[in-house]
């Protein structure tokens, strides 16, 4: 998982955290992370966060955070999402390695690259 963008912006109504991540393999949430303060950038990103769509890119942000308690809860939500993306990516990469190793063994001597 690569964090492509991580911004903390102060606005007139509060502080917003914006995050964009990308993965090496397609990821789909099967265990949803509890979210109250984090939303997708748009409808498609919300569907990804809800586990309705798989992704290699995910963009999300917090609502405007007005106090330290909200900031702490938002930090927990963001960390949980990032941990789940990383876990799902690692599982996907491991499975692809198994498939690749099987095919290399099955066609040993024929593989040129």
PDB file of N, CA and C in Angstrom:
ATOM      1  N   UNK A   1       0.841  -1.170   0.000  1.00  0.00           N
ATOM      2  CA  UNK A   1       0.000   0.000   0.000  1.00  0.00           C
ATOM      3  C   UNK A   1       0.889   1.236   0.000  1.00  0.00           C
ATOM      4  N   UNK A   2       0.484   2.167  -0.790  1.00  0.00           N
ATOM      5  CA  UNK A   2       1.214   3.430  -0.865  1.00  0.00           C
ATOM      6  C   UNK A   2       0.254   4.571  -0.521  1.00  0.00           C
ATOM      7  N   UNK A   3       0.663   5.411   0.404  1.00  0.00           N
ATOM      8  CA  UNK A   3      -0.119   6.610   0.712  1.00  0.00           C
ATOM      9  C   UNK A   3       0.329   7.683  -0.274  1.00  0.00           C
ATOM     10  N   UNK A   4      -0.548   7.988  -1.222  1.00  0.00           N
ATOM     11  CA  UNK A   4      -0.229   8.950  -2.269  1.00  0.00           C
ATOM     12  C   UNK A   4      -0.429  10.392  -1.813  1.00  0.00           C
ATOM     13  N   UNK A   5      -1.328  10.552  -0.857  1.00  0.00           N
ATOM     14  CA  UNK A   5      -1.631  11.910  -0.379  1.00  0.00           C
ATOM     15  C   UNK A   5      -2.158  11.806   1.045  1.00  0.00           C
ATOM     16  N   UNK A   6      -1.655  12.653   1.905  1.00  0.00           N
ATOM     17  CA  UNK A   6      -2.146  12.740   3.283  1.00  0.00           C
ATOM     18  C   UNK A   6      -2.047  14.199   3.686  1.00  0.00           C
ATOM     19  N   UNK A   7      -3.191  14.857   3.775  1.00  0.00           N
ATOM     20  CA  UNK A   7      -3.215  16.291   4.054  1.00  0.00           C
ATOM     21  C   UNK A   7      -4.089  16.599   5.259  1.00  0.00           C
ATOM     22  N   UNK A   8      -3.658  17.547   6.044  1.00  0.00           N
ATOM     23  CA  UNK A   8      -4.444  18.057   7.163  1.00  0.00           C
ATOM     24  C   UNK A   8      -4.673  19.533   6.879  1.00  0.00           C
ATOM     25  N   UNK A   9      -5.958  19.896   6.732  1.00  0.00           N
ATOM     26  CA  UNK A   9      -6.299  21.262   6.337  1.00  0.00           C
ATOM     27  C   UNK A   9      -7.235  21.897   7.361  1.00  0.00           C
ATOM     28  N   UNK A  10      -6.905  23.093   7.790  1.00  0.00           N
ATOM     29  CA  UNK A  10      -7.775  23.845   8.690  1.00  0.00           C
ATOM     30  C   UNK A  10      -8.682  24.731   7.854  1.00  0.00           C
ATOM     31  N   UNK A  11      -9.968  24.636   8.124  1.00  0.00           N
ATOM     32  CA  UNK A  11     -10.943  25.471   7.441  1.00  0.00           C
ATOM     33  C   UNK A  11     -11.719  26.299   8.441  1.00  0.00           C
ATOM     34  N   UNK A  12     -12.758  26.954   7.981  1.00  0.00           N
ATOM     35  CA  UNK A  12     -13.535  27.822   8.871  1.00  0.00           C
ATOM     36  C   UNK A  12     -14.417  27.033   9.834  1.00  0.00           C
ATOM     37  N   UNK A  13     -14.767  25.798   9.491  1.00  0.00           N
ATOM     38  CA  UNK A  13     -15.645  25.006  10.358  1.00  0.00           C
ATOM     39  C   UNK A  13     -14.916  23.915  11.122  1.00  0.00           C
ATOM     40  N   UNK A  14     -13.635  23.700  10.843  1.00  0.00           N
ATOM     41  CA  UNK A  14     -12.880  22.665  11.543  1.00  0.00           C
ATOM     42  C   UNK A  14     -11.691  22.206  10.723  1.00  0.00           C
ATOM     43  N   UNK A  15     -11.088  21.124  11.168  1.00  0.00           N
ATOM     44  CA  UNK A  15      -9.903  20.565  10.516  1.00  0.00           C
ATOM     45  C   UNK A  15     -10.310  19.291   9.780  1.00  0.00           C
ATOM     46  N   UNK A  16      -9.853  19.154   8.545  1.00  0.00           N
ATOM     47  CA  UNK A  16     -10.172  17.995   7.712  1.00  0.00           C
ATOM     48  C   UNK A  16      -8.890  17.254   7.355  1.00  0.00           C
ATOM     49  N   UNK A  17      -8.963  15.933   7.410  1.00  0.00           N
ATOM     50  CA  UNK A  17      -7.854  15.083   6.976  1.00  0.00           C
ATOM     51  C   UNK A  17      -8.274  14.436   5.663  1.00  0.00           C
ATOM     52  N   UNK A  18      -7.415  14.524   4.655  1.00  0.00           N
ATOM     53  CA  UNK A  18      -7.681  13.921   3.341  1.00  0.00           C
ATOM     54  C   UNK A  18      -6.603  12.882   3.059  1.00  0.00           C
ATOM     55  N   UNK A  19      -7.041  11.707   2.620  1.00  0.00           N
ATOM     56  CA  UNK A  19      -6.115  10.599   2.403  1.00  0.00           C
ATOM     57  C   UNK A  19      -6.412   9.953   1.053  1.00  0.00           C
ATOM     58  N   UNK A  20      -5.346   9.648   0.315  1.00  0.00           N
ATOM     59  CA  UNK A  20      -5.455   8.881  -0.924  1.00  0.00           C
ATOM     60  C   UNK A  20      -4.429   7.762  -0.860  1.00  0.00           C
ATOM     61  N   UNK A  21      -4.873   6.537  -1.125  1.00  0.00           N
ATOM     62  CA  UNK A  21      -3.966   5.391  -1.116  1.00  0.00           C
ATOM     63  C   UNK A  21      -4.123   4.598  -2.403  1.00  0.00           C
ATOM     64  N   UNK A  22      -3.069   3.872  -2.756  1.00  0.00           N
ATOM     65  CA  UNK A  22      -3.119   2.965  -3.899  1.00  0.00           C
ATOM     66  C   UNK A  22      -2.496   1.640  -3.482  1.00  0.00           C
ATOM     67  N   UNK A  23      -2.895   0.589  -4.178  1.00  0.00           N
ATOM     68  CA  UNK A  23      -2.416  -0.751  -3.850  1.00  0.00           C
ATOM     69  C   UNK A  23      -1.864  -1.437  -5.095  1.00  0.00           C
ATOM     70  N   UNK A  24      -1.083  -2.485  -4.872  1.00  0.00           N
ATOM     71  CA  UNK A  24      -0.500  -3.254  -5.978  1.00  0.00           C
ATOM     72  C   UNK A  24      -1.474  -4.275  -6.540  1.00  0.00           C
ATOM     73  N   UNK A  25      -2.474  -4.642  -5.757  1.00  0.00           N
ATOM     74  CA  UNK A  25      -3.487  -5.600  -6.194  1.00  0.00           C
ATOM     75  C   UNK A  25      -4.863  -5.041  -5.848  1.00  0.00           C
ATOM     76  N   UNK A  26      -5.876  -5.601  -6.489  1.00  0.00           N
ATOM     77  CA  UNK A  26      -7.238  -5.172  -6.212  1.00  0.00           C
ATOM     78  C   UNK A  26      -7.633  -5.595  -4.799  1.00  0.00           C
ATOM     79  N   UNK A  27      -8.249  -4.685  -4.075  1.00  0.00           N
ATOM     80  CA  UNK A  27      -8.636  -4.903  -2.685  1.00  0.00           C
ATOM     81  C   UNK A  27     -10.138  -4.687  -2.555  1.00  0.00           C
ATOM     82  N   UNK A  28     -10.770  -5.498  -1.715  1.00  0.00           N
ATOM     83  CA  UNK A  28     -12.189  -5.298  -1.404  1.00  0.00           C
ATOM     84  C   UNK A  28     -12.386  -5.602   0.070  1.00  0.00           C
ATOM     85  N   UNK A  29     -13.017  -4.672   0.780  1.00  0.00           N
ATOM     86  CA  UNK A  29     -13.271  -4.877   2.200  1.00  0.00           C
ATOM     87  C   UNK A  29     -14.342  -5.935   2.387  1.00  0.00           C
ATOM     88  N   UNK A  30     -14.070  -6.906   3.262  1.00  0.00           N
ATOM     89  CA  UNK A  30     -15.100  -7.864   3.635  1.00  0.00           C
ATOM     90  C   UNK A  30     -15.499  -7.673   5.095  1.00  0.00           C
ATOM     91  N   UNK A  31     -14.610  -7.060   5.863  1.00  0.00           N
ATOM     92  CA  UNK A  31     -14.918  -6.679   7.239  1.00  0.00           C
ATOM     93  C   UNK A  31     -14.911  -5.154   7.258  1.00  0.00           C
ATOM     94  N   UNK A  32     -16.061  -4.580   7.472  1.00  0.00           N
ATOM     95  CA  UNK A  32     -16.160  -3.129   7.390  1.00  0.00           C
ATOM     96  C   UNK A  32     -15.612  -2.470   8.644  1.00  0.00           C
ATOM     97  N   UNK A  33     -14.902  -1.398   8.446  1.00  0.00           N
ATOM     98  CA  UNK A  33     -14.352  -0.605   9.538  1.00  0.00           C
ATOM     99  C   UNK A  33     -15.447   0.343  10.027  1.00  0.00           C
ATOM    100  N   UNK A  34     -15.629   0.407  11.346  1.00  0.00           N
ATOM    101  CA  UNK A  34     -16.613   1.331  11.918  1.00  0.00           C
ATOM    102  C   UNK A  34     -16.202   2.763  11.584  1.00  0.00           C
ATOM    103  N   UNK A  35     -17.126   3.492  10.973  1.00  0.00           N
ATOM    104  CA  UNK A  35     -16.824   4.867  10.579  1.00  0.00           C
ATOM    105  C   UNK A  35     -17.959   5.793  10.983  1.00  0.00           C
ATOM    106  N   UNK A  36     -17.615   6.856  11.669  1.00  0.00           N
ATOM    107  CA  UNK A  36     -18.563   7.924  11.964  1.00  0.00           C
ATOM    108  C   UNK A  36     -18.079   9.251  11.398  1.00  0.00           C
ATOM    109  N   UNK A  37     -16.761   9.400  11.330  1.00  0.00           N
ATOM    110  CA  UNK A  37     -16.173  10.686  10.967  1.00  0.00           C
ATOM    111  C   UNK A  37     -15.448  10.663   9.626  1.00  0.00           C
ATOM    112  N   UNK A  38     -15.301   9.480   9.033  1.00  0.00           N
ATOM    113  CA  UNK A  38     -14.586   9.339   7.760  1.00  0.00           C
ATOM    114  C   UNK A  38     -15.586   8.990   6.664  1.00  0.00           C
ATOM    115  N   UNK A  39     -15.462   9.683   5.537  1.00  0.00           N
ATOM    116  CA  UNK A  39     -16.326   9.446   4.379  1.00  0.00           C
ATOM    117  C   UNK A  39     -15.461   9.369   3.126  1.00  0.00           C
ATOM    118  N   UNK A  40     -16.008   8.785   2.076  1.00  0.00           N
ATOM    119  CA  UNK A  40     -15.308   8.773   0.801  1.00  0.00           C
ATOM    120  C   UNK A  40     -15.333  10.155   0.166  1.00  0.00           C
ATOM    121  N   UNK A  41     -14.398  10.390  -0.761  1.00  0.00           N
ATOM    122  CA  UNK A  41     -14.383  11.667  -1.486  1.00  0.00           C
ATOM    123  C   UNK A  41     -15.656  11.834  -2.299  1.00  0.00           C
ATOM    124  N   UNK A  42     -16.170  10.719  -2.811  1.00  0.00           N
ATOM    125  CA  UNK A  42     -17.353  10.772  -3.657  1.00  0.00           C
ATOM    126  C   UNK A  42     -18.143   9.475  -3.491  1.00  0.00           C
ATOM    127  N   UNK A  43     -19.190   9.333  -4.269  1.00  0.00           N
ATOM    128  CA  UNK A  43     -20.076   8.172  -4.189  1.00  0.00           C
ATOM    129  C   UNK A  43     -19.308   6.867  -4.394  1.00  0.00           C
ATOM    130  N   UNK A  44     -18.435   6.816  -5.401  1.00  0.00           N
ATOM    131  CA  UNK A  44     -17.675   5.598  -5.683  1.00  0.00           C
ATOM    132  C   UNK A  44     -16.739   5.235  -4.535  1.00  0.00           C
ATOM    133  N   UNK A  45     -16.085   6.231  -3.952  1.00  0.00           N
ATOM    134  CA  UNK A  45     -15.199   5.960  -2.821  1.00  0.00           C
ATOM    135  C   UNK A  45     -15.989   5.481  -1.606  1.00  0.00           C
ATOM    136  N   UNK A  46     -17.193   5.998  -1.413  1.00  0.00           N
ATOM    137  CA  UNK A  46     -18.047   5.502  -0.329  1.00  0.00           C
ATOM    138  C   UNK A  46     -18.402   4.038  -0.542  1.00  0.00           C
ATOM    139  N   UNK A  47     -18.690   3.664  -1.795  1.00  0.00           N
ATOM    140  CA  UNK A  47     -19.007   2.265  -2.098  1.00  0.00           C
ATOM    141  C   UNK A  47     -17.813   1.363  -1.798  1.00  0.00           C
ATOM    142  N   UNK A  48     -16.611   1.851  -2.058  1.00  0.00           N
ATOM    143  CA  UNK A  48     -15.397   1.093  -1.746  1.00  0.00           C
ATOM    144  C   UNK A  48     -15.255   0.918  -0.239  1.00  0.00           C
ATOM    145  N   UNK A  49     -15.483   1.992   0.516  1.00  0.00           N
ATOM    146  CA  UNK A  49     -15.394   1.918   1.976  1.00  0.00           C
ATOM    147  C   UNK A  49     -16.457   0.999   2.565  1.00  0.00           C
ATOM    148  N   UNK A  50     -17.600   0.890   1.893  1.00  0.00           N
ATOM    149  CA  UNK A  50     -18.686   0.029   2.357  1.00  0.00           C
ATOM    150  C   UNK A  50     -18.505  -1.426   1.928  1.00  0.00           C
ATOM    151  N   UNK A  51     -17.448  -1.714   1.171  1.00  0.00           N
ATOM    152  CA  UNK A  51     -17.206  -3.079   0.733  1.00  0.00           C
ATOM    153  C   UNK A  51     -18.036  -3.498  -0.462  1.00  0.00           C
ATOM    154  N   UNK A  52     -18.647  -2.546  -1.141  1.00  0.00           N
ATOM    155  CA  UNK A  52     -19.484  -2.850  -2.299  1.00  0.00           C
ATOM    156  C   UNK A  52     -18.681  -2.936  -3.591  1.00  0.00           C
ATOM    157  N   UNK A  53     -17.502  -2.313  -3.625  1.00  0.00           N
ATOM    158  CA  UNK A  53     -16.657  -2.331  -4.822  1.00  0.00           C
ATOM    159  C   UNK A  53     -15.211  -2.583  -4.432  1.00  0.00           C
ATOM    160  N   UNK A  54     -14.491  -3.265  -5.316  1.00  0.00           N
ATOM    161  CA  UNK A  54     -13.056  -3.451  -5.101  1.00  0.00           C
ATOM    162  C   UNK A  54     -12.321  -2.237  -5.664  1.00  0.00           C
ATOM    163  N   UNK A  55     -11.047  -2.119  -5.301  1.00  0.00           N
ATOM    164  CA  UNK A  55     -10.304  -0.933  -5.714  1.00  0.00           C
ATOM    165  C   UNK A  55      -8.806  -1.175  -5.706  1.00  0.00           C
ATOM    166  N   UNK A  56      -8.101  -0.333  -6.458  1.00  0.00           N
ATOM    167  CA  UNK A  56      -6.646  -0.200  -6.366  1.00  0.00           C
ATOM    168  C   UNK A  56      -6.298   1.229  -5.946  1.00  0.00           C
ATOM    169  N   UNK A  57      -7.310   2.087  -5.944  1.00  0.00           N
ATOM    170  CA  UNK A  57      -7.155   3.459  -5.451  1.00  0.00           C
ATOM    171  C   UNK A  57      -8.355   3.789  -4.571  1.00  0.00           C
ATOM    172  N   UNK A  58      -8.074   4.403  -3.434  1.00  0.00           N
ATOM    173  CA  UNK A  58      -9.135   4.779  -2.501  1.00  0.00           C
ATOM    174  C   UNK A  58      -8.846   6.180  -1.980  1.00  0.00           C
ATOM    175  N   UNK A  59      -9.886   7.013  -1.977  1.00  0.00           N
ATOM    176  CA  UNK A  59      -9.751   8.380  -1.465  1.00  0.00           C
ATOM    177  C   UNK A  59     -10.821   8.589  -0.395  1.00  0.00           C
ATOM    178  N   UNK A  60     -10.394   9.097   0.753  1.00  0.00           N
ATOM    179  CA  UNK A  60     -11.358   9.382   1.810  1.00  0.00           C
ATOM    180  C   UNK A  60     -10.911  10.588   2.614  1.00  0.00           C
ATOM    181  N   UNK A  61     -11.852  11.107   3.408  1.00  0.00           N
ATOM    182  CA  UNK A  61     -11.577  12.304   4.201  1.00  0.00           C
ATOM    183  C   UNK A  61     -12.432  12.269   5.455  1.00  0.00           C
ATOM    184  N   UNK A  62     -12.078  13.120   6.395  1.00  0.00           N
ATOM    185  CA  UNK A  62     -12.907  13.267   7.583  1.00  0.00           C
ATOM    186  C   UNK A  62     -13.903  14.397   7.356  1.00  0.00           C
ATOM    187  N   UNK A  63     -14.922  14.396   8.180  1.00  0.00           N
ATOM    188  CA  UNK A  63     -15.766  15.582   8.236  1.00  0.00           C
ATOM    189  C   UNK A  63     -14.932  16.674   8.890  1.00  0.00           C
ATOM    190  N   UNK A  64     -15.435  17.877   8.968  1.00  0.00           N
ATOM    191  CA  UNK A  64     -14.706  18.959   9.637  1.00  0.00           C
ATOM    192  C   UNK A  64     -14.668  18.660  11.139  1.00  0.00           C
ATOM    193  N   UNK A  65     -13.485  18.402  11.642  1.00  0.00           N
ATOM    194  CA  UNK A  65     -13.305  18.031  13.049  1.00  0.00           C
ATOM    195  C   UNK A  65     -13.196  19.291  13.890  1.00  0.00           C
ATOM    196  N   UNK A  66     -14.021  19.357  14.937  1.00  0.00           N
ATOM    197  CA  UNK A  66     -14.129  20.585  15.719  1.00  0.00           C
ATOM    198  C   UNK A  66     -13.467  20.514  17.087  1.00  0.00           C
ATOM    199  N   UNK A  67     -13.118  19.304  17.553  1.00  0.00           N
ATOM    200  CA  UNK A  67     -12.522  19.204  18.886  1.00  0.00           C
ATOM    201  C   UNK A  67     -11.573  18.011  18.955  1.00  0.00           C
ATOM    202  N   UNK A  68     -10.855  17.924  20.045  1.00  0.00           N
ATOM    203  CA  UNK A  68      -9.834  16.890  20.207  1.00  0.00           C
ATOM    204  C   UNK A  68     -10.433  15.489  20.274  1.00  0.00           C
ATOM    205  N   UNK A  69     -11.603  15.346  20.884  1.00  0.00           N
ATOM    206  CA  UNK A  69     -12.241  14.025  20.937  1.00  0.00           C
ATOM    207  C   UNK A  69     -12.563  13.520  19.533  1.00  0.00           C
ATOM    208  N   UNK A  70     -13.103  14.391  18.687  1.00  0.00           N
ATOM    209  CA  UNK A  70     -13.369  14.012  17.298  1.00  0.00           C
ATOM    210  C   UNK A  70     -12.070  13.666  16.585  1.00  0.00           C
ATOM    211  N   UNK A  71     -11.025  14.447  16.826  1.00  0.00           N
ATOM    212  CA  UNK A  71      -9.733  14.196  16.179  1.00  0.00           C
ATOM    213  C   UNK A  71      -9.190  12.827  16.576  1.00  0.00           C
ATOM    214  N   UNK A  72      -9.313  12.462  17.842  1.00  0.00           N
ATOM    215  CA  UNK A  72      -8.831  11.152  18.308  1.00  0.00           C
ATOM    216  C   UNK A  72      -9.627  10.019  17.680  1.00  0.00           C
ATOM    217  N   UNK A  73     -10.951  10.164  17.624  1.00  0.00           N
ATOM    218  CA  UNK A  73     -11.783   9.125  17.001  1.00  0.00           C
ATOM    219  C   UNK A  73     -11.491   9.021  15.506  1.00  0.00           C
ATOM    220  N   UNK A  74     -11.324  10.166  14.850  1.00  0.00           N
ATOM    221  CA  UNK A  74     -11.012  10.163  13.415  1.00  0.00           C
ATOM    222  C   UNK A  74      -9.668   9.495  13.166  1.00  0.00           C
ATOM    223  N   UNK A  75      -8.687   9.762  14.015  1.00  0.00           N
ATOM    224  CA  UNK A  75      -7.370   9.129  13.866  1.00  0.00           C
ATOM    225  C   UNK A  75      -7.496   7.616  13.977  1.00  0.00           C
ATOM    226  N   UNK A  76      -8.310   7.131  14.907  1.00  0.00           N
ATOM    227  CA  UNK A  76      -8.525   5.689  15.044  1.00  0.00           C
ATOM    228  C   UNK A  76      -9.183   5.114  13.791  1.00  0.00           C
ATOM    229  N   UNK A  77     -10.176   5.811  13.267  1.00  0.00           N
ATOM    230  CA  UNK A  77     -10.861   5.346  12.061  1.00  0.00           C
ATOM    231  C   UNK A  77      -9.903   5.301  10.873  1.00  0.00           C
ATOM    232  N   UNK A  78      -9.100   6.339  10.700  1.00  0.00           N
ATOM    233  CA  UNK A  78      -8.145   6.389   9.585  1.00  0.00           C
ATOM    234  C   UNK A  78      -7.134   5.259   9.708  1.00  0.00           C
ATOM    235  N   UNK A  79      -6.584   5.067  10.901  1.00  0.00           N
ATOM    236  CA  UNK A  79      -5.614   3.988  11.114  1.00  0.00           C
ATOM    237  C   UNK A  79      -6.238   2.631  10.839  1.00  0.00           C
ATOM    238  N   UNK A  80      -7.483   2.432  11.261  1.00  0.00           N
ATOM    239  CA  UNK A  80      -8.160   1.155  11.027  1.00  0.00           C
ATOM    240  C   UNK A  80      -8.354   0.904   9.533  1.00  0.00           C
ATOM    241  N   UNK A  81      -8.729   1.930   8.788  1.00  0.00           N
ATOM    242  CA  UNK A  81      -8.901   1.788   7.337  1.00  0.00           C
ATOM    243  C   UNK A  81      -7.566   1.459   6.680  1.00  0.00           C
ATOM    244  N   UNK A  82      -6.524   2.198   7.034  1.00  0.00           N
ATOM    245  CA  UNK A  82      -5.203   1.949   6.445  1.00  0.00           C
ATOM    246  C   UNK A  82      -4.700   0.551   6.793  1.00  0.00           C
ATOM    247  N   UNK A  83      -4.919   0.110   8.028  1.00  0.00           N
ATOM    248  CA  UNK A  83      -4.515  -1.241   8.428  1.00  0.00           C
ATOM    249  C   UNK A  83      -5.253  -2.300   7.620  1.00  0.00           C
ATOM    250  N   UNK A  84      -6.547  -2.082   7.392  1.00  0.00           N
ATOM    251  CA  UNK A  84      -7.339  -3.055   6.638  1.00  0.00           C
ATOM    252  C   UNK A  84      -6.919  -3.084   5.169  1.00  0.00           C
ATOM    253  N   UNK A  85      -6.639  -1.925   4.590  1.00  0.00           N
ATOM    254  CA  UNK A  85      -6.152  -1.886   3.205  1.00  0.00           C
ATOM    255  C   UNK A  85      -4.837  -2.656   3.105  1.00  0.00           C
ATOM    256  N   UNK A  86      -3.937  -2.407   4.029  1.00  0.00           N
ATOM    257  CA  UNK A  86      -2.637  -3.081   4.018  1.00  0.00           C
ATOM    258  C   UNK A  86      -2.798  -4.591   4.183  1.00  0.00           C
ATOM    259  N   UNK A  87      -3.671  -5.007   5.107  1.00  0.00           N
ATOM    260  CA  UNK A  87      -3.902  -6.440   5.338  1.00  0.00           C
ATOM    261  C   UNK A  87      -4.472  -7.114   4.091  1.00  0.00           C
ATOM    262  N   UNK A  88      -5.470  -6.476   3.486  1.00  0.00           N
ATOM    263  CA  UNK A  88      -6.092  -7.055   2.293  1.00  0.00           C
ATOM    264  C   UNK A  88      -5.105  -7.104   1.125  1.00  0.00           C
ATOM    265  N   UNK A  89      -4.272  -6.072   1.001  1.00  0.00           N
ATOM    266  CA  UNK A  89      -3.275  -6.066  -0.064  1.00  0.00           C
ATOM    267  C   UNK A  89      -2.266  -7.192   0.150  1.00  0.00           C
ATOM    268  N   UNK A  90      -1.797  -7.370   1.375  1.00  0.00           N
ATOM    269  CA  UNK A  90      -0.837  -8.437   1.668  1.00  0.00           C
ATOM    270  C   UNK A  90      -1.434  -9.803   1.369  1.00  0.00           C
ATOM    271  N   UNK A  91      -2.701 -10.007   1.740  1.00  0.00           N
ATOM    272  CA  UNK A  91      -3.372 -11.276   1.434  1.00  0.00           C
ATOM    273  C   UNK A  91      -3.458 -11.499  -0.070  1.00  0.00           C
ATOM    274  N   UNK A  92      -3.806 -10.451  -0.810  1.00  0.00           N
ATOM    275  CA  UNK A  92      -3.897 -10.558  -2.264  1.00  0.00           C
ATOM    276  C   UNK A  92      -2.558 -10.858  -2.901  1.00  0.00           C
ATOM    277  N   UNK A  93      -1.508 -10.197  -2.426  1.00  0.00           N
ATOM    278  CA  UNK A  93      -0.164 -10.443  -2.960  1.00  0.00           C
ATOM    279  C   UNK A  93       0.301 -11.861  -2.657  1.00  0.00           C
ATOM    280  N   UNK A  94       0.017 -12.344  -1.449  1.00  0.00           N
ATOM    281  CA  UNK A  94       0.401 -13.712  -1.090  1.00  0.00           C
ATOM    282  C   UNK A  94      -0.297 -14.719  -1.994  1.00  0.00           C
ATOM    283  N   UNK A  95      -1.582 -14.492  -2.251  1.00  0.00           N
ATOM    284  CA  UNK A  95      -2.324 -15.419  -3.102  1.00  0.00           C
ATOM    285  C   UNK A  95      -1.777 -15.401  -4.529  1.00  0.00           C
ATOM    286  N   UNK A  96      -1.454 -14.226  -5.044  1.00  0.00           N
ATOM    287  CA  UNK A  96      -0.888 -14.142  -6.391  1.00  0.00           C
ATOM    288  C   UNK A  96       0.476 -14.824  -6.465  1.00  0.00           C
ATOM    289  N   UNK A  97       1.262 -14.746  -5.384  1.00  0.00           N
ATOM    290  CA  UNK A  97       2.553 -15.450  -5.353  1.00  0.00           C
ATOM    291  C   UNK A  97       2.351 -16.959  -5.415  1.00  0.00           C
ATOM    292  N   UNK A  98       1.339 -17.453  -4.709  1.00  0.00           N
ATOM    293  CA  UNK A  98       1.032 -18.885  -4.748  1.00  0.00           C
ATOM    294  C   UNK A  98       0.677 -19.300  -6.172  1.00  0.00           C
ATOM    295  N   UNK A  99      -0.167 -18.518  -6.819  1.00  0.00           N
ATOM    296  CA  UNK A  99      -0.571 -18.815  -8.199  1.00  0.00           C
ATOM    297  C   UNK A  99       0.641 -18.756  -9.124  1.00  0.00           C
ATOM    298  N   UNK A 100       1.446 -17.712  -8.988  1.00  0.00           N
ATOM    299  CA  UNK A 100       2.636 -17.561  -9.826  1.00  0.00           C
ATOM    300  C   UNK A 100       3.610 -18.717  -9.616  1.00  0.00           C
ATOM    301  N   UNK A 101       3.868 -19.076  -8.361  1.00  0.00           N
ATOM    302  CA  UNK A 101       4.786 -20.183  -8.067  1.00  0.00           C
ATOM    303  C   UNK A 101       4.284 -21.493  -8.663  1.00  0.00           C
ATOM    304  N   UNK A 102       2.972 -21.734  -8.549  1.00  0.00           N
ATOM    305  CA  UNK A 102       2.398 -22.944  -9.133  1.00  0.00           C
ATOM    306  C   UNK A 102       2.631 -22.979 -10.639  1.00  0.00           C
ATOM    307  N   UNK A 103       2.333 -21.868 -11.321  1.00  0.00           N
ATOM    308  CA  UNK A 103       2.482 -21.833 -12.775  1.00  0.00           C
ATOM    309  C   UNK A 103       3.941 -21.965 -13.198  1.00  0.00           C
ATOM    310  N   UNK A 104       4.856 -21.339 -12.455  1.00  0.00           N
ATOM    311  CA  UNK A 104       6.283 -21.470 -12.778  1.00  0.00           C
ATOM    312  C   UNK A 104       6.747 -22.915 -12.622  1.00  0.00           C
ATOM    313  N   UNK A 105       6.262 -23.581 -11.597  1.00  0.00           N
ATOM    314  CA  UNK A 105       6.635 -24.981 -11.387  1.00  0.00           C
ATOM    315  C   UNK A 105       6.002 -25.873 -12.457  1.00  0.00           C
ATOM    316  N   UNK A 106       4.745 -25.609 -12.752  1.00  0.00           N
ATOM    317  CA  UNK A 106       4.011 -26.405 -13.740  1.00  0.00           C
ATOM    318  C   UNK A 106       4.644 -26.304 -15.129  1.00  0.00           C
ATOM    319  N   UNK A 107       5.183 -25.130 -15.453  1.00  0.00           N
ATOM    320  CA  UNK A 107       5.768 -24.910 -16.768  1.00  0.00           C
ATOM    321  C   UNK A 107       7.270 -24.670 -16.696  1.00  0.00           C
ATOM    322  N   UNK A 108       7.906 -25.308 -15.723  1.00  0.00           N
ATOM    323  CA  UNK A 108       9.350 -25.177 -15.545  1.00  0.00           C
ATOM    324  C   UNK A 108      10.070 -25.556 -16.841  1.00  0.00           C
ATOM    325  N   UNK A 109      11.022 -24.748 -17.219  1.00  0.00           N
ATOM    326  CA  UNK A 109      11.766 -24.988 -18.451  1.00  0.00           C
ATOM    327  C   UNK A 109      11.178 -24.276 -19.655  1.00  0.00           C
ATOM    328  N   UNK A 110       9.921 -23.872 -19.561  1.00  0.00           N
ATOM    329  CA  UNK A 110       9.274 -23.165 -20.667  1.00  0.00           C
ATOM    330  C   UNK A 110       9.204 -21.661 -20.434  1.00  0.00           C
ATOM    331  N   UNK A 111       9.212 -21.251 -19.181  1.00  0.00           N
ATOM    332  CA  UNK A 111       9.073 -19.834 -18.836  1.00  0.00           C
ATOM    333  C   UNK A 111      10.331 -19.086 -19.264  1.00  0.00           C
ATOM    334  N   UNK A 112      10.142 -18.018 -20.037  1.00  0.00           N
ATOM    335  CA  UNK A 112      11.288 -17.258 -20.553  1.00  0.00           C
ATOM    336  C   UNK A 112      11.541 -15.977 -19.771  1.00  0.00           C
ATOM    337  N   UNK A 113      10.626 -15.571 -18.929  1.00  0.00           N
ATOM    338  CA  UNK A 113      10.815 -14.312 -18.203  1.00  0.00           C
ATOM    339  C   UNK A 113      10.441 -14.393 -16.769  1.00  0.00           C
TER     340      UNK A 113
END
